[in-house]
Protein backbone atom coordinates (compact mmCIF):
# COMPACT_ATOMS: atom_id res chain seq x y z
CA UNK A 1 8.17 108.73 -43.01
CA UNK A 2 11.68 109.98 -42.49
CA UNK A 3 14.57 107.53 -42.16
CA UNK A 4 18.25 108.23 -41.36
CA UNK A 5 20.77 106.30 -43.50
CA UNK A 6 24.52 106.55 -44.04
CA UNK A 7 25.70 107.69 -47.51
CA UNK A 8 29.36 107.61 -46.50
CA UNK A 9 31.84 104.87 -45.53
CA UNK A 10 31.87 102.73 -42.45
CA UNK A 11 28.87 101.64 -40.46
CA UNK A 12 25.96 103.82 -39.45
CA UNK A 13 27.12 105.86 -36.53
CA UNK A 14 26.27 109.19 -34.79
CA UNK A 15 28.84 111.55 -33.44
CA UNK A 16 29.43 111.68 -29.65
CA UNK A 17 27.68 115.05 -29.68
CA UNK A 18 24.56 113.54 -31.33
CA UNK A 19 24.52 110.58 -28.84
CA UNK A 20 24.82 113.02 -25.94
CA UNK A 21 21.81 114.90 -27.20
CA UNK A 22 19.87 111.64 -27.25
CA UNK A 23 20.97 110.84 -23.75
CA UNK A 24 19.81 114.26 -22.68
CA UNK A 25 16.46 113.37 -24.15
CA UNK A 26 16.23 110.36 -21.87
CA UNK A 27 17.74 107.51 -24.00
CA UNK A 28 19.23 104.82 -21.77
CA UNK A 29 22.84 103.60 -22.06
CA UNK A 30 24.33 100.37 -20.99
CA UNK A 31 27.82 98.66 -20.93
CA UNK A 32 28.72 95.56 -22.59
CA UNK A 33 28.92 92.62 -20.24
CA UNK A 34 31.68 89.99 -20.19
CA UNK A 35 29.64 87.82 -22.48
CA UNK A 36 29.57 90.57 -25.19
CA UNK A 37 25.91 91.28 -24.61
CA UNK A 38 24.44 94.61 -23.41
CA UNK A 39 23.97 94.49 -19.59
CA UNK A 40 20.72 96.30 -19.87
CA UNK A 41 18.46 94.79 -22.53
CA UNK A 42 16.19 97.85 -22.57
CA UNK A 43 18.91 100.37 -23.47
CA UNK A 44 19.41 101.46 -27.09
CA UNK A 45 22.86 103.00 -26.68
CA UNK A 46 26.13 101.24 -25.70
CA UNK A 47 28.59 103.35 -23.73
CA UNK A 48 32.09 102.36 -24.73
CA UNK A 49 33.85 105.45 -23.10
CA UNK A 50 35.89 103.15 -20.87
CA UNK A 51 37.48 101.56 -23.93
CA UNK A 52 40.06 104.08 -24.72
CA UNK A 53 41.10 102.78 -28.11
CA UNK A 54 37.54 102.18 -29.39
CA UNK A 55 36.26 105.50 -28.08
CA UNK A 56 39.21 107.32 -29.51
CA UNK A 57 38.71 105.99 -33.11
CA UNK A 58 34.98 105.40 -33.34
CA UNK A 59 33.47 107.38 -30.58
CA UNK A 60 32.22 106.82 -27.03
CA UNK A 61 28.82 105.47 -28.02
CA UNK A 62 27.05 103.24 -30.47
CA UNK A 63 23.55 101.87 -30.99
CA UNK A 64 22.89 98.38 -29.69
CA UNK A 65 21.28 97.62 -33.13
CA UNK A 66 22.24 100.13 -35.81
CA UNK A 67 19.84 98.55 -38.36
CA UNK A 68 16.82 98.83 -35.98
CA UNK A 69 14.03 100.53 -37.93
CA UNK A 70 12.74 102.10 -34.77
CA UNK A 71 16.03 103.84 -34.24
CA UNK A 72 16.39 104.97 -37.83
CA UNK A 73 12.90 106.49 -37.84
CA UNK A 74 12.65 107.68 -34.26
CA UNK A 75 11.67 111.35 -33.96
CA UNK A 76 14.51 112.01 -31.58
CA UNK A 77 17.09 110.70 -33.89
CA UNK A 78 15.64 112.59 -36.86
CA UNK A 79 15.59 115.72 -34.81
CA UNK A 80 19.18 115.50 -33.66
CA UNK A 81 20.40 114.72 -37.22
CA UNK A 82 18.42 117.65 -38.57
CA UNK A 83 19.56 120.04 -35.93
CA UNK A 84 23.28 119.09 -35.93
CA UNK A 85 23.67 118.53 -39.64
CA UNK A 86 27.18 117.40 -40.51
CA UNK A 87 28.07 117.46 -36.79
CA UNK A 88 25.87 114.51 -36.22
CA UNK A 89 28.06 112.35 -38.58
CA UNK A 90 29.89 109.45 -36.89
CA UNK A 91 33.26 108.23 -38.03
CA UNK A 92 33.46 108.23 -41.83
CA UNK A 93 29.76 108.79 -42.08
CA UNK A 94 27.63 111.09 -44.10
CA UNK A 95 24.17 110.81 -42.62
CA UNK A 96 21.20 111.63 -44.77
CA UNK A 97 17.49 111.84 -44.04
CA UNK A 98 15.24 110.39 -46.80
CA UNK A 99 11.57 110.07 -47.08
CA UNK A 100 9.85 106.74 -47.62
CA UNK A 101 6.16 106.43 -48.33
CA UNK A 102 4.22 104.97 -45.38
CA UNK A 103 2.58 102.35 -47.54
CA UNK A 104 5.92 100.85 -48.62
CA UNK A 105 7.66 97.87 -46.90
CA UNK A 106 11.36 98.57 -46.83
CA UNK A 107 14.74 97.45 -45.45
CA UNK A 108 18.13 99.08 -45.21
CA UNK A 109 20.93 97.45 -47.11
CA UNK A 110 24.53 98.51 -47.67
CA UNK A 111 27.24 98.14 -50.12
CA UNK A 112 30.77 98.91 -48.87
CA UNK A 113 29.16 100.72 -45.98
CA UNK A 114 26.97 102.98 -48.19
CA UNK A 115 23.41 102.41 -47.25
CA UNK A 116 20.28 102.43 -49.38
CA UNK A 117 16.67 101.64 -48.94
CA UNK A 118 15.24 98.68 -50.79
CA UNK A 119 11.39 98.58 -51.32
CA UNK A 120 10.13 95.19 -50.61
CA UNK A 121 6.54 95.72 -51.71
CA UNK A 122 3.74 98.08 -51.45
CA UNK A 123 1.27 97.34 -48.59
């Protein structure tokens, strides 16, 4: 199975261009409510375009849960990262697609923002 991880600095983030491709593919966006929670619990992407400072530095969009395995292995995300290459990288990121055997249980960990896959056990 293919997994997208960040081998650069910062937190896992796609570029605005990559997020816009996901939105074109039908991914739902949401705003953050006054309580800090996403307004639409079914959306996977937060739209922060109204926050000028945040959007200027980090980009207009971010994932609701950047450690969600479903996002990191989703065929649309893999496709966008493969198609855009370096242009898919978010702020300070260097995205990489790695292969993990289907029979291995795994988690994503990071050290100073650089992510790696840790095998938990073989199923």
